[in-house]
Structure formats: C-alpha cells, structure tokens
Protein backbone atom coordinates (compact mmCIF):
# COMPACT_ATOMS: atom_id res chain seq x y z
CA MET A 1 -5.52 2.72 13.21
CA ASP A 2 -7.45 4.24 10.34
CA GLN A 3 -5.34 6.34 7.97
CA SER A 4 -6.23 8.85 5.32
CA CYS A 5 -4.79 8.35 1.86
CA GLN A 6 -2.16 11.06 2.48
CA GLU A 7 -1.18 9.54 5.84
CA HIS A 8 -0.78 6.19 4.12
CA VAL A 9 1.44 7.66 1.39
CA ASP A 10 3.48 9.57 3.99
CA ARG A 11 4.11 6.36 5.93
CA TYR A 12 5.47 4.65 2.80
CA LYS A 13 7.66 7.66 2.04
CA PHE A 14 9.09 7.52 5.56
CA VAL A 15 9.80 3.78 5.38
CA TYR A 16 11.64 4.10 2.07
CA SER A 17 13.52 7.22 3.24
CA GLN A 18 15.14 5.00 5.87
CA ALA A 19 16.47 2.68 3.13
CA PRO A 20 17.36 4.98 0.21
CA ASP A 21 18.93 2.15 -1.85
CA VAL A 22 15.67 0.19 -1.91
CA PHE A 23 13.55 0.94 -4.96
CA PRO A 24 9.89 -0.13 -4.88
CA HIS A 25 8.24 -0.85 -8.23
CA VAL A 26 4.46 -1.10 -8.28
CA GLY A 27 3.36 -3.78 -10.71
CA GLU A 28 -0.24 -4.81 -11.18
CA THR A 29 -3.01 -3.08 -9.28
CA GLY A 30 -6.72 -3.63 -9.00
CA VAL A 31 -9.67 -1.98 -7.30
CA ALA A 32 -13.05 -3.34 -6.25
CA LEU A 33 -15.22 -0.30 -5.49
CA ASP A 34 -18.70 -0.35 -3.98
CA GLU A 35 -19.98 3.23 -4.13
CA ARG A 36 -23.27 2.32 -2.45
CA LYS A 37 -21.54 0.86 0.61
CA GLY A 38 -18.69 3.36 0.52
CA THR A 39 -16.01 0.67 0.52
CA ALA A 40 -13.07 -0.20 -1.70
CA SER A 41 -10.51 -3.00 -1.81
CA VAL A 42 -7.18 -2.18 -3.46
CA TYR A 43 -4.76 -4.92 -4.54
CA ILE A 44 -1.12 -4.04 -5.22
CA ASN A 45 1.81 -6.17 -6.42
CA VAL A 46 5.15 -4.62 -5.46
CA ASN A 47 8.76 -5.56 -6.20
CA ALA A 48 11.48 -4.02 -4.03
CA ALA A 49 15.05 -4.14 -5.37
CA GLY A 50 18.30 -2.81 -3.94
CA GLN A 51 18.13 -4.48 -0.56
CA PRO A 52 21.29 -5.60 1.26
CA GLY A 53 22.95 -8.62 -0.32
CA GLY A 54 21.28 -7.98 -3.67
CA VAL A 55 17.96 -9.34 -2.43
CA ALA A 56 14.82 -8.38 -4.31
CA THR A 57 11.47 -9.11 -2.68
CA GLN A 58 8.00 -9.37 -4.08
CA GLY A 59 4.80 -8.89 -2.20
CA VAL A 60 1.09 -8.41 -2.50
CA SER A 61 -0.89 -5.94 -0.41
CA LEU A 62 -4.62 -5.71 0.14
CA LEU A 63 -5.86 -2.38 1.45
CA GLU A 64 -9.43 -1.97 2.66
CA TRP A 65 -10.82 1.57 2.45
CA ARG A 66 -14.00 3.11 3.84
CA ARG A 67 -15.60 6.41 2.89
CA THR A 68 -16.37 8.60 5.88
CA SER A 69 -18.04 11.94 6.36
CA ASN A 70 -17.11 14.46 9.00
CA ASP A 71 -18.77 17.88 9.11
CA GLY A 72 -19.96 17.43 5.53
CA THR A 73 -16.48 16.62 4.22
CA GLU A 74 -16.00 13.18 2.71
CA ALA A 75 -12.72 11.30 2.97
CA TRP A 76 -11.48 7.78 2.33
CA LEU A 77 -9.77 6.05 5.26
CA CYS A 78 -7.62 2.93 5.09
CA VAL A 79 -9.11 0.65 7.75
CA LYS A 80 -7.05 -2.48 7.03
CA HIS A 81 -3.76 -3.27 5.30
CA MET A 82 -2.65 -6.86 4.83
CA ALA A 83 0.64 -7.74 3.13
CA ILE A 84 1.95 -11.10 1.98
CA LYS A 85 5.67 -11.32 1.34
CA GLY A 86 6.48 -13.32 -1.76
CA LEU A 87 9.58 -14.74 -3.38
CA GLN A 88 13.12 -13.48 -2.92
CA ASP A 89 15.73 -13.48 -5.65
CA ILE A 90 19.44 -12.84 -5.61
CA VAL A 91 20.08 -10.31 -8.38
C-alpha cells in the first residue's frame, strides 16, 4: 500500500500512542535522491527505549519513495518500507 508522507507519519504516531512509555530516538539518517527518476531512498537508524522489562531495541529502516502527479499536484508516496531489527539491551 502506497502511503503519503503524512499517512506514514500518522501511522508511526498511532503505533507509539499505543505504547506511551516507549520513546523512539532517531539517530543517523541518509537520503539518496534521484530527481530525474522521481525516486528517493531514505535510511533511518532508530533506538526505542522504555519497553517492558527495560528492553531497548535498535533498528534500521529503508523507505523507498516515488514522486507522483495527480491532476497537476505532485506528491511523494512511500512505496516500500523495510525494517531490520537490531540488538537488544537491558537498561
């Protein structure tokens, strides 16, 4: 399912609203943008602390975006989101 940037942000807000003690911290980010093709790859490192049992998780996400045009209005849609869960620590 393709998602607009706002839909993507809203989904994250909903997920974290269900676990108010979990605090996500965005670490490093990177973007590979190809204006000519209308594509972008976004890399995000995230740490999430405050999980049950004092567990903190780390993960890396890759989001693939595509620029679209509908009725003369351009928008970026997330067409793919891959996440790799990393290490867990007891804090």
